[in-house]
Amino acid sequence: MGKAMARSPCRSRGRRHGRSGSLWCARPTRPGCPVDDLPHVIGVLVEVEEHARLRLRSTPATNGERSPGREPEVERQLTPQEAADVIGGVSARWVLRHTKGLRFRHDLSRKVVRFDEAGLRRWASTRRG
């Protein structure tokens, strides 16, 4: 018990966390974490969550076993503007309004939405008359 505890990076008031910096101050109950760092931490957490979700979606559910020599197929994720370009003749806003609740739409956060390209193309082909 004679060892001193390491200080949290958040306790050094002048230090800002870089892109690869520690997320320790993501614990808002930690005393001494500067409030100014919290928006940056939230942004990093959203980015990490998005990468984790994309990785989970691209990993096949085969108990972690992969066939040798073959990489899993990664489905392309589109932004609303890219989805509008795929459909053609519509705006990103139109895509966001008309795809709520559909399986190929993934709301990563309140302001970040991604679309599975294959699902979007299937849906768009059924809507064209």
Foldseek 3Di string as FASTA:
>chain_A
DPDDDDDDPQQPPVDAADLPGDLVCCPVVDPRRDPVNNVVSVVSVLVVLVVVVQVVVQDDPPVPDDDPPDDGDRFDKAFLQVLCVVLDDDHSVVVVVPCPPPPQWDPSDPPGIIGGPVVSVVVSVVPDD
